[in-house]
Amino acid sequence: MLSAATEPQPAEVGYAKRMVERYGHGWAERAEDAIAEEVPVAMVYNGVSFAVMMMTPLDLEDFALGFSMSEGLVRHAAQLGSIGVHLRMEGIELVMEVAELTFGQHPGAHQQRLLPGRSGCGLCGARTLEDAVRHPGPVGQGPQIDSDTLQKALSALRAAQPINLATGSVHAAAWVDTRGRIMLVREDVGRHNALDKLIGAMLRSGIDPEAGFLLVTSRASYEMVIKATTIGITIMAAISAPTALGIHLARDTGLTLIGFARADSHVVYTHPQRLRHAVGAST
């Protein structure tokens, strides 16, 4: 069972207020603006510093679990025994106690401090090509959904992003059920961080990754695809475009990959059989 530290936690806001000067055609004003927070978060496993990520300091327990699972550091959520959130002068430490910790596939890798990660970084810290390019096993059958279900979720997504509504500068990852209802949303300045937070929240809530689909506000890069398929998600829809390597991995793992998801259109890149009325895409 996961447990978290009880010491003071980061403020549950995700943004700070700053005075700014706004200018327009023939006018100017001084006003308060909401600015997304971005702080360094150190990942410490069993006393060993693993990586430092720049991220929005919210939903950190979800992030700790999601990151650990999607990066292959643990194989099961039950291996993560405790999560301590410690405020430091320089940032935040996530201190985790883990059973059977696996730092990559190379002996001695756990003895090295990996590279810091930027908020937009998905492979920061990888030292070899083998670490960077992982190949999860195939995903399950998963559900079938209608195009209208995707459109319903897209219509509801903006209102489900309070930090982005305030700042206009963060990504979101949402879990949607087969009726198009948004069940969980996590936000962060980094798209990978938002997805890791969502994965952690799904695992902590016992959500079946084959009982719905993933909706993200970013592009569908390789790193996003690998995180999704690592936990068995079968459908991923992105508001922006995929990358060629992301498409390749989605095809190999059986993921239905949708890009350019809009109010009236979308593109299906792989395995269109899960999206009814999506015709003409190649498998």
C-alpha atoms as a PDB file:
ATOM      1  CA  MET A   1       0.000   0.000   0.000  1.00  0.00           C
ATOM      2  CA  LEU A   2       1.334   3.424  -0.982  1.00  0.00           C
ATOM      3  CA  SER A   3       1.845   5.957   1.754  1.00  0.00           C
ATOM      4  CA  ALA A   4       2.849   9.600   1.565  1.00  0.00           C
ATOM      5  CA  ALA A   5       4.718  11.886   3.937  1.00  0.00           C
ATOM      6  CA  THR A   6       2.650  14.109   6.203  1.00  0.00           C
ATOM      7  CA  GLU A   7       5.007  17.080   6.290  1.00  0.00           C
ATOM      8  CA  PRO A   8       3.986  20.382   4.613  1.00  0.00           C
ATOM      9  CA  GLN A   9       3.162  19.887   0.943  1.00  0.00           C
ATOM     10  CA  PRO A  10       3.453  22.252  -2.066  1.00  0.00           C
ATOM     11  CA  ALA A  11       0.486  24.590  -2.465  1.00  0.00           C
ATOM     12  CA  GLU A  12      -2.301  22.946  -4.495  1.00  0.00           C
ATOM     13  CA  VAL A  13      -2.580  25.701  -7.060  1.00  0.00           C
ATOM     14  CA  GLY A  14      -0.046  25.140  -9.832  1.00  0.00           C
ATOM     15  CA  TYR A  15       0.430  28.785 -10.685  1.00  0.00           C
ATOM     16  CA  ALA A  16       1.666  32.011  -9.137  1.00  0.00           C
ATOM     17  CA  LYS A  17       0.341  35.573  -9.450  1.00  0.00           C
ATOM     18  CA  ARG A  18       2.600  38.263 -10.881  1.00  0.00           C
ATOM     19  CA  MET A  19       2.043  41.894 -11.828  1.00  0.00           C
ATOM     20  CA  VAL A  20       2.455  42.511 -15.543  1.00  0.00           C
ATOM     21  CA  GLU A  21       1.935  45.332 -18.020  1.00  0.00           C
ATOM     22  CA  ARG A  22      -0.458  44.639 -20.865  1.00  0.00           C
ATOM     23  CA  TYR A  23      -0.464  46.618 -24.071  1.00  0.00           C
ATOM     24  CA  GLY A  24      -2.915  46.776 -26.946  1.00  0.00           C
ATOM     25  CA  HIS A  25      -3.755  49.077 -29.796  1.00  0.00           C
ATOM     26  CA  GLY A  26      -3.939  52.462 -28.107  1.00  0.00           C
ATOM     27  CA  TRP A  27      -4.114  51.199 -24.520  1.00  0.00           C
ATOM     28  CA  ALA A  28      -1.976  49.922 -21.662  1.00  0.00           C
ATOM     29  CA  GLU A  29      -2.735  48.578 -18.212  1.00  0.00           C
ATOM     30  CA  ARG A  30      -0.986  47.117 -15.198  1.00  0.00           C
ATOM     31  CA  ALA A  31      -2.677  43.950 -13.985  1.00  0.00           C
ATOM     32  CA  GLU A  32      -2.188  40.716 -12.111  1.00  0.00           C
ATOM     33  CA  ASP A  33      -1.531  37.633 -14.220  1.00  0.00           C
ATOM     34  CA  ALA A  34      -1.449  33.887 -13.491  1.00  0.00           C
ATOM     35  CA  ILE A  35       1.875  32.241 -14.349  1.00  0.00           C
ATOM     36  CA  ALA A  36       2.405  28.469 -14.389  1.00  0.00           C
ATOM     37  CA  GLU A  37       4.811  27.228 -11.733  1.00  0.00           C
ATOM     38  CA  GLU A  38       7.877  25.244 -12.751  1.00  0.00           C
ATOM     39  CA  VAL A  39      10.180  23.806 -10.100  1.00  0.00           C
ATOM     40  CA  PRO A  40      12.936  21.159  -9.975  1.00  0.00           C
ATOM     41  CA  VAL A  41      11.728  17.868  -8.532  1.00  0.00           C
ATOM     42  CA  ALA A  42      14.395  15.336  -7.566  1.00  0.00           C
ATOM     43  CA  MET A  43      13.521  11.648  -7.818  1.00  0.00           C
ATOM     44  CA  VAL A  44      15.245   9.691  -5.036  1.00  0.00           C
ATOM     45  CA  TYR A  45      14.854   5.901  -4.900  1.00  0.00           C
ATOM     46  CA  ASN A  46      16.053   4.009  -1.829  1.00  0.00           C
ATOM     47  CA  GLY A  47      18.428   6.861  -1.024  1.00  0.00           C
ATOM     48  CA  VAL A  48      19.834   7.085  -4.581  1.00  0.00           C
ATOM     49  CA  SER A  49      19.273  10.223  -6.675  1.00  0.00           C
ATOM     50  CA  PHE A  50      17.975   9.127 -10.057  1.00  0.00           C
ATOM     51  CA  ALA A  51      16.842  12.211 -11.974  1.00  0.00           C
ATOM     52  CA  VAL A  52      15.666  15.806 -11.595  1.00  0.00           C
ATOM     53  CA  MET A  53      12.598  16.890 -13.558  1.00  0.00           C
ATOM     54  CA  MET A  54      11.281  20.397 -14.101  1.00  0.00           C
ATOM     55  CA  MET A  55       7.561  20.281 -13.483  1.00  0.00           C
ATOM     56  CA  THR A  56       4.402  21.795 -12.026  1.00  0.00           C
ATOM     57  CA  PRO A  57       4.412  20.940  -8.294  1.00  0.00           C
ATOM     58  CA  LEU A  58       0.993  19.278  -8.157  1.00  0.00           C
ATOM     59  CA  ASP A  59      -0.117  15.631  -7.933  1.00  0.00           C
ATOM     60  CA  LEU A  60       3.410  14.587  -7.010  1.00  0.00           C
ATOM     61  CA  GLU A  61       2.429  11.204  -5.555  1.00  0.00           C
ATOM     62  CA  ASP A  62       0.664  10.396  -8.824  1.00  0.00           C
ATOM     63  CA  PHE A  63       3.761  11.474 -10.735  1.00  0.00           C
ATOM     64  CA  ALA A  64       6.073   9.346  -8.589  1.00  0.00           C
ATOM     65  CA  LEU A  65       4.076   6.203  -9.296  1.00  0.00           C
ATOM     66  CA  GLY A  66       3.391   6.971 -12.955  1.00  0.00           C
ATOM     67  CA  PHE A  67       7.011   7.878 -13.699  1.00  0.00           C
ATOM     68  CA  SER A  68       8.287   4.773 -11.924  1.00  0.00           C
ATOM     69  CA  MET A  69       5.967   2.530 -13.925  1.00  0.00           C
ATOM     70  CA  SER A  70       6.238   4.179 -17.339  1.00  0.00           C
ATOM     71  CA  GLU A  71      10.041   4.312 -17.155  1.00  0.00           C
ATOM     72  CA  GLY A  72      10.249   0.646 -16.176  1.00  0.00           C
ATOM     73  CA  LEU A  73      11.780   1.338 -12.753  1.00  0.00           C
ATOM     74  CA  VAL A  74       9.140  -0.843 -11.121  1.00  0.00           C
ATOM     75  CA  ARG A  75       7.029  -3.574 -12.673  1.00  0.00           C
ATOM     76  CA  HIS A  76       4.052  -3.348 -10.338  1.00  0.00           C
ATOM     77  CA  ALA A  77       2.525  -0.491  -8.351  1.00  0.00           C
ATOM     78  CA  ALA A  78       2.822  -2.565  -5.182  1.00  0.00           C
ATOM     79  CA  GLN A  79       6.631  -2.332  -5.409  1.00  0.00           C
ATOM     80  CA  LEU A  80       6.439   1.372  -4.548  1.00  0.00           C
ATOM     81  CA  GLY A  81       6.035   1.189  -0.797  1.00  0.00           C
ATOM     82  CA  SER A  82       6.161   4.843   0.281  1.00  0.00           C
ATOM     83  CA  ILE A  83       6.449   8.319  -1.192  1.00  0.00           C
ATOM     84  CA  GLY A  84       7.830  11.236   0.787  1.00  0.00           C
ATOM     85  CA  VAL A  85       7.344  14.767  -0.557  1.00  0.00           C
ATOM     86  CA  HIS A  86      10.027  16.996   0.972  1.00  0.00           C
ATOM     87  CA  LEU A  87      10.217  20.746   0.390  1.00  0.00           C
ATOM     88  CA  ARG A  88      13.764  22.033   0.005  1.00  0.00           C
ATOM     89  CA  MET A  89      15.159  25.505  -0.544  1.00  0.00           C
ATOM     90  CA  GLU A  90      16.128  24.550  -4.102  1.00  0.00           C
ATOM     91  CA  GLY A  91      12.958  22.644  -4.989  1.00  0.00           C
ATOM     92  CA  ILE A  92      11.234  19.409  -4.018  1.00  0.00           C
ATOM     93  CA  GLU A  93      12.480  15.899  -3.312  1.00  0.00           C
ATOM     94  CA  LEU A  94      10.338  12.871  -3.989  1.00  0.00           C
ATOM     95  CA  VAL A  95      11.829  10.226  -1.703  1.00  0.00           C
ATOM     96  CA  MET A  96      10.624   6.707  -2.469  1.00  0.00           C
ATOM     97  CA  GLU A  97      11.163   3.329  -0.897  1.00  0.00           C
ATOM     98  CA  VAL A  98      10.952   0.617  -3.500  1.00  0.00           C
ATOM     99  CA  ALA A  99      11.168  -3.172  -3.438  1.00  0.00           C
ATOM    100  CA  GLU A 100      13.076  -4.877  -6.272  1.00  0.00           C
ATOM    101  CA  LEU A 101      14.092  -1.621  -7.901  1.00  0.00           C
ATOM    102  CA  THR A 102      15.260  -1.899 -11.520  1.00  0.00           C
ATOM    103  CA  PHE A 103      17.326   1.004 -12.877  1.00  0.00           C
ATOM    104  CA  GLY A 104      17.462   0.018 -16.510  1.00  0.00           C
ATOM    105  CA  GLN A 105      18.965  -3.186 -17.854  1.00  0.00           C
ATOM    106  CA  HIS A 106      22.637  -2.483 -17.225  1.00  0.00           C
ATOM    107  CA  PRO A 107      24.481  -3.582 -14.070  1.00  0.00           C
ATOM    108  CA  GLY A 108      25.651  -0.643 -11.984  1.00  0.00           C
ATOM    109  CA  ALA A 109      23.322   1.859 -13.667  1.00  0.00           C
ATOM    110  CA  HIS A 110      21.690   2.555 -10.297  1.00  0.00           C
ATOM    111  CA  GLN A 111      25.016   3.779  -8.942  1.00  0.00           C
ATOM    112  CA  GLN A 112      25.155   6.721 -11.367  1.00  0.00           C
ATOM    113  CA  ARG A 113      23.240   9.956 -11.057  1.00  0.00           C
ATOM    114  CA  LEU A 114      21.394  10.483 -14.302  1.00  0.00           C
ATOM    115  CA  LEU A 115      21.057  13.758 -16.155  1.00  0.00           C
ATOM    116  CA  PRO A 116      18.532  16.425 -15.160  1.00  0.00           C
ATOM    117  CA  GLY A 117      15.346  16.524 -17.202  1.00  0.00           C
ATOM    118  CA  ARG A 118      13.706  19.606 -18.658  1.00  0.00           C
ATOM    119  CA  SER A 119       9.939  20.025 -18.504  1.00  0.00           C
ATOM    120  CA  GLY A 120       9.714  18.987 -22.159  1.00  0.00           C
ATOM    121  CA  CYS A 121      12.137  16.115 -21.824  1.00  0.00           C
ATOM    122  CA  GLY A 122      11.056  12.526 -22.250  1.00  0.00           C
ATOM    123  CA  LEU A 123      14.403  10.752 -22.542  1.00  0.00           C
ATOM    124  CA  CYS A 124      16.602  12.925 -20.356  1.00  0.00           C
ATOM    125  CA  GLY A 125      18.749  10.710 -18.204  1.00  0.00           C
ATOM    126  CA  ALA A 126      19.085   7.890 -20.739  1.00  0.00           C
ATOM    127  CA  ARG A 127      22.766   7.084 -21.228  1.00  0.00           C
ATOM    128  CA  THR A 128      22.571   4.450 -23.963  1.00  0.00           C
ATOM    129  CA  LEU A 129      20.478   3.758 -27.037  1.00  0.00           C
ATOM    130  CA  GLU A 130      19.127   0.658 -25.314  1.00  0.00           C
ATOM    131  CA  ASP A 131      17.838   2.832 -22.453  1.00  0.00           C
ATOM    132  CA  ALA A 132      16.304   5.376 -24.834  1.00  0.00           C
ATOM    133  CA  VAL A 133      14.542   3.074 -27.300  1.00  0.00           C
ATOM    134  CA  ARG A 134      12.442   0.574 -25.385  1.00  0.00           C
ATOM    135  CA  HIS A 135       9.907  -1.803 -26.917  1.00  0.00           C
ATOM    136  CA  PRO A 136       6.935  -2.713 -24.707  1.00  0.00           C
ATOM    137  CA  GLY A 137       4.959  -5.843 -25.443  1.00  0.00           C
ATOM    138  CA  PRO A 138       1.719  -5.738 -27.414  1.00  0.00           C
ATOM    139  CA  VAL A 139      -1.330  -4.126 -25.852  1.00  0.00           C
ATOM    140  CA  GLY A 140      -4.622  -5.971 -25.394  1.00  0.00           C
ATOM    141  CA  GLN A 141      -7.750  -5.876 -27.505  1.00  0.00           C
ATOM    142  CA  GLY A 142      -9.209  -2.797 -25.844  1.00  0.00           C
ATOM    143  CA  PRO A 143     -12.568  -1.150 -26.557  1.00  0.00           C
ATOM    144  CA  GLN A 144     -14.177   0.177 -29.684  1.00  0.00           C
ATOM    145  CA  ILE A 145     -15.400   3.775 -29.607  1.00  0.00           C
ATOM    146  CA  ASP A 146     -17.385   5.978 -31.955  1.00  0.00           C
ATOM    147  CA  SER A 147     -16.000   9.137 -33.486  1.00  0.00           C
ATOM    148  CA  ASP A 148     -18.718  11.017 -31.615  1.00  0.00           C
ATOM    149  CA  THR A 149     -17.274   9.723 -28.340  1.00  0.00           C
ATOM    150  CA  LEU A 150     -13.937  11.307 -29.143  1.00  0.00           C
ATOM    151  CA  GLN A 151     -15.626  14.570 -30.113  1.00  0.00           C
ATOM    152  CA  LYS A 152     -17.577  14.620 -26.828  1.00  0.00           C
ATOM    153  CA  ALA A 153     -14.352  14.296 -24.838  1.00  0.00           C
ATOM    154  CA  LEU A 154     -12.621  16.985 -26.880  1.00  0.00           C
ATOM    155  CA  SER A 155     -15.506  19.375 -26.229  1.00  0.00           C
ATOM    156  CA  ALA A 156     -15.255  18.816 -22.475  1.00  0.00           C
ATOM    157  CA  LEU A 157     -11.466  18.879 -22.167  1.00  0.00           C
ATOM    158  CA  ARG A 158     -10.872  22.629 -22.007  1.00  0.00           C
ATOM    159  CA  ALA A 159     -13.145  23.105 -19.005  1.00  0.00           C
ATOM    160  CA  ALA A 160     -11.333  20.250 -17.230  1.00  0.00           C
ATOM    161  CA  GLN A 161      -7.983  22.096 -17.272  1.00  0.00           C
ATOM    162  CA  PRO A 162      -8.089  24.706 -14.466  1.00  0.00           C
ATOM    163  CA  ILE A 163      -4.361  25.521 -14.563  1.00  0.00           C
ATOM    164  CA  ASN A 164      -4.369  25.994 -18.317  1.00  0.00           C
ATOM    165  CA  LEU A 165      -7.516  28.098 -18.129  1.00  0.00           C
ATOM    166  CA  ALA A 166      -5.682  30.397 -15.715  1.00  0.00           C
ATOM    167  CA  THR A 167      -2.273  30.459 -17.435  1.00  0.00           C
ATOM    168  CA  GLY A 168      -2.614  29.171 -21.003  1.00  0.00           C
ATOM    169  CA  SER A 169       0.727  27.412 -20.722  1.00  0.00           C
ATOM    170  CA  VAL A 170       0.393  23.816 -19.515  1.00  0.00           C
ATOM    171  CA  HIS A 171      -0.357  20.431 -21.065  1.00  0.00           C
ATOM    172  CA  ALA A 172      -3.034  17.989 -20.003  1.00  0.00           C
ATOM    173  CA  ALA A 173      -3.479  14.230 -20.159  1.00  0.00           C
ATOM    174  CA  ALA A 174      -7.014  12.909 -19.687  1.00  0.00           C
ATOM    175  CA  TRP A 175      -8.522   9.472 -19.190  1.00  0.00           C
ATOM    176  CA  VAL A 176     -11.868   9.079 -20.939  1.00  0.00           C
ATOM    177  CA  ASP A 177     -14.381   6.258 -20.589  1.00  0.00           C
ATOM    178  CA  THR A 178     -16.078   4.570 -23.551  1.00  0.00           C
ATOM    179  CA  ARG A 179     -19.021   6.993 -23.307  1.00  0.00           C
ATOM    180  CA  GLY A 180     -16.764  10.019 -23.790  1.00  0.00           C
ATOM    181  CA  ARG A 181     -16.825  11.137 -20.162  1.00  0.00           C
ATOM    182  CA  ILE A 182     -13.560  12.555 -18.811  1.00  0.00           C
ATOM    183  CA  MET A 183     -12.789  10.586 -15.661  1.00  0.00           C
ATOM    184  CA  LEU A 184      -9.340  11.918 -14.719  1.00  0.00           C
ATOM    185  CA  VAL A 185      -7.193  14.861 -15.830  1.00  0.00           C
ATOM    186  CA  ARG A 186      -3.664  15.813 -14.849  1.00  0.00           C
ATOM    187  CA  GLU A 187      -1.829  18.985 -15.916  1.00  0.00           C
ATOM    188  CA  ASP A 188       1.829  19.965 -16.073  1.00  0.00           C
ATOM    189  CA  VAL A 189       4.216  22.272 -17.890  1.00  0.00           C
ATOM    190  CA  GLY A 190       5.742  19.112 -19.395  1.00  0.00           C
ATOM    191  CA  ARG A 191       3.637  16.824 -21.566  1.00  0.00           C
ATOM    192  CA  HIS A 192       5.456  13.723 -20.308  1.00  0.00           C
ATOM    193  CA  ASN A 193       4.944  14.798 -16.720  1.00  0.00           C
ATOM    194  CA  ALA A 194       1.214  15.276 -17.291  1.00  0.00           C
ATOM    195  CA  LEU A 195       0.964  11.762 -18.710  1.00  0.00           C
ATOM    196  CA  ASP A 196       2.997  10.251 -15.876  1.00  0.00           C
ATOM    197  CA  LYS A 197       0.718  11.986 -13.356  1.00  0.00           C
ATOM    198  CA  LEU A 198      -2.320  10.572 -15.136  1.00  0.00           C
ATOM    199  CA  ILE A 199      -0.829   7.066 -15.233  1.00  0.00           C
ATOM    200  CA  GLY A 200      -0.126   7.261 -11.516  1.00  0.00           C
ATOM    201  CA  ALA A 201      -3.661   8.465 -10.793  1.00  0.00           C
ATOM    202  CA  MET A 202      -5.094   5.624 -12.896  1.00  0.00           C
ATOM    203  CA  LEU A 203      -3.032   3.024 -11.057  1.00  0.00           C
ATOM    204  CA  ARG A 204      -3.920   4.460  -7.650  1.00  0.00           C
ATOM    205  CA  SER A 205      -7.623   4.429  -8.617  1.00  0.00           C
ATOM    206  CA  GLY A 206      -7.527   0.889 -10.014  1.00  0.00           C
ATOM    207  CA  ILE A 207      -8.617   1.967 -13.505  1.00  0.00           C
ATOM    208  CA  ASP A 208      -8.419  -0.676 -16.237  1.00  0.00           C
ATOM    209  CA  PRO A 209      -6.290   0.758 -19.108  1.00  0.00           C
ATOM    210  CA  GLU A 210      -8.411  -1.214 -21.586  1.00  0.00           C
ATOM    211  CA  ALA A 211     -11.678   0.343 -20.382  1.00  0.00           C
ATOM    212  CA  GLY A 212     -11.306   3.735 -22.078  1.00  0.00           C
ATOM    213  CA  PHE A 213      -8.847   5.882 -23.990  1.00  0.00           C
ATOM    214  CA  LEU A 214      -6.135   8.486 -23.496  1.00  0.00           C
ATOM    215  CA  LEU A 215      -6.518  12.079 -24.688  1.00  0.00           C
ATOM    216  CA  VAL A 216      -3.503  14.428 -24.632  1.00  0.00           C
ATOM    217  CA  THR A 217      -3.088  18.077 -25.579  1.00  0.00           C
ATOM    218  CA  SER A 218       0.423  17.607 -26.954  1.00  0.00           C
ATOM    219  CA  ARG A 219       1.966  15.879 -29.930  1.00  0.00           C
ATOM    220  CA  ALA A 220       2.104  12.088 -29.926  1.00  0.00           C
ATOM    221  CA  SER A 221       5.849  11.608 -29.708  1.00  0.00           C
ATOM    222  CA  TYR A 222       7.628   8.291 -29.221  1.00  0.00           C
ATOM    223  CA  GLU A 223       8.009   8.921 -25.493  1.00  0.00           C
ATOM    224  CA  MET A 224       4.291   9.528 -25.076  1.00  0.00           C
ATOM    225  CA  VAL A 225       3.452   6.358 -26.982  1.00  0.00           C
ATOM    226  CA  ILE A 226       5.867   4.230 -24.987  1.00  0.00           C
ATOM    227  CA  LYS A 227       4.510   5.492 -21.652  1.00  0.00           C
ATOM    228  CA  ALA A 228       0.946   4.732 -22.732  1.00  0.00           C
ATOM    229  CA  THR A 229       1.667   1.268 -24.094  1.00  0.00           C
ATOM    230  CA  THR A 230       3.852   0.309 -21.127  1.00  0.00           C
ATOM    231  CA  ILE A 231       0.746   0.230 -18.909  1.00  0.00           C
ATOM    232  CA  GLY A 232      -1.514  -1.286 -21.582  1.00  0.00           C
ATOM    233  CA  ILE A 233      -3.476   1.686 -22.953  1.00  0.00           C
ATOM    234  CA  THR A 234      -4.948   0.713 -26.348  1.00  0.00           C
ATOM    235  CA  ILE A 235      -6.195   4.048 -27.781  1.00  0.00           C
ATOM    236  CA  MET A 236      -4.352   7.369 -27.682  1.00  0.00           C
ATOM    237  CA  ALA A 237      -5.707  10.575 -29.204  1.00  0.00           C
ATOM    238  CA  ALA A 238      -3.532  13.682 -29.472  1.00  0.00           C
ATOM    239  CA  ILE A 239      -4.551  17.202 -30.365  1.00  0.00           C
ATOM    240  CA  SER A 240      -1.284  17.702 -32.222  1.00  0.00           C
ATOM    241  CA  ALA A 241       0.668  15.524 -34.637  1.00  0.00           C
ATOM    242  CA  PRO A 242       2.489  12.241 -34.051  1.00  0.00           C
ATOM    243  CA  THR A 243       6.111  11.596 -34.904  1.00  0.00           C
ATOM    244  CA  ALA A 244       7.292   8.900 -37.314  1.00  0.00           C
ATOM    245  CA  LEU A 245       8.874   6.891 -34.502  1.00  0.00           C
ATOM    246  CA  GLY A 246       5.720   7.240 -32.444  1.00  0.00           C
ATOM    247  CA  ILE A 247       3.686   5.812 -35.341  1.00  0.00           C
ATOM    248  CA  HIS A 248       6.178   2.961 -35.756  1.00  0.00           C
ATOM    249  CA  LEU A 249       5.944   2.002 -32.091  1.00  0.00           C
ATOM    250  CA  ALA A 250       2.148   2.317 -32.075  1.00  0.00           C
ATOM    251  CA  ARG A 251       1.929  -0.012 -35.063  1.00  0.00           C
ATOM    252  CA  ASP A 252       4.256  -2.569 -33.452  1.00  0.00           C
ATOM    253  CA  THR A 253       2.485  -2.586 -30.083  1.00  0.00           C
ATOM    254  CA  GLY A 254      -1.072  -2.553 -31.426  1.00  0.00           C
ATOM    255  CA  LEU A 255      -1.960   0.960 -30.190  1.00  0.00           C
ATOM    256  CA  THR A 256      -4.651   2.892 -32.031  1.00  0.00           C
ATOM    257  CA  LEU A 257      -2.965   6.262 -32.572  1.00  0.00           C
ATOM    258  CA  ILE A 258      -5.052   9.315 -33.446  1.00  0.00           C
ATOM    259  CA  GLY A 259      -3.597  12.739 -34.205  1.00  0.00           C
ATOM    260  CA  PHE A 260      -4.854  16.212 -35.093  1.00  0.00           C
ATOM    261  CA  ALA A 261      -7.964  15.556 -32.997  1.00  0.00           C
ATOM    262  CA  ARG A 262     -10.305  18.476 -33.649  1.00  0.00           C
ATOM    263  CA  ALA A 263     -13.958  19.309 -33.104  1.00  0.00           C
ATOM    264  CA  ASP A 264     -14.862  18.128 -36.610  1.00  0.00           C
ATOM    265  CA  SER A 265     -11.984  15.918 -37.781  1.00  0.00           C
ATOM    266  CA  HIS A 266      -9.088  13.662 -36.810  1.00  0.00           C
ATOM    267  CA  VAL A 267      -6.463  11.433 -38.418  1.00  0.00           C
ATOM    268  CA  VAL A 268      -6.040   7.749 -37.536  1.00  0.00           C
ATOM    269  CA  TYR A 269      -2.475   6.547 -38.068  1.00  0.00           C
ATOM    270  CA  THR A 270      -2.536   2.977 -36.791  1.00  0.00           C
ATOM    271  CA  HIS A 271      -5.021   0.210 -35.972  1.00  0.00           C
ATOM    272  CA  PRO A 272      -8.249   2.016 -36.978  1.00  0.00           C
ATOM    273  CA  GLN A 273     -10.449  -0.960 -36.059  1.00  0.00           C
ATOM    274  CA  ARG A 274     -11.042   0.458 -32.568  1.00  0.00           C
ATOM    275  CA  LEU A 275     -12.548   3.697 -33.890  1.00  0.00           C
ATOM    276  CA  ARG A 276     -15.863   3.153 -35.636  1.00  0.00           C
ATOM    277  CA  HIS A 277     -16.382   5.114 -38.863  1.00  0.00           C
ATOM    278  CA  ALA A 278     -12.610   5.756 -39.123  1.00  0.00           C
ATOM    279  CA  VAL A 279     -11.907   4.440 -42.626  1.00  0.00           C
ATOM    280  CA  GLY A 280      -8.965   4.717 -44.961  1.00  0.00           C
ATOM    281  CA  ALA A 281      -6.156   4.556 -42.397  1.00  0.00           C
ATOM    282  CA  SER A 282      -3.442   1.953 -42.797  1.00  0.00           C
ATOM    283  CA  THR A 283      -2.513  -0.608 -40.174  1.00  0.00           C
END
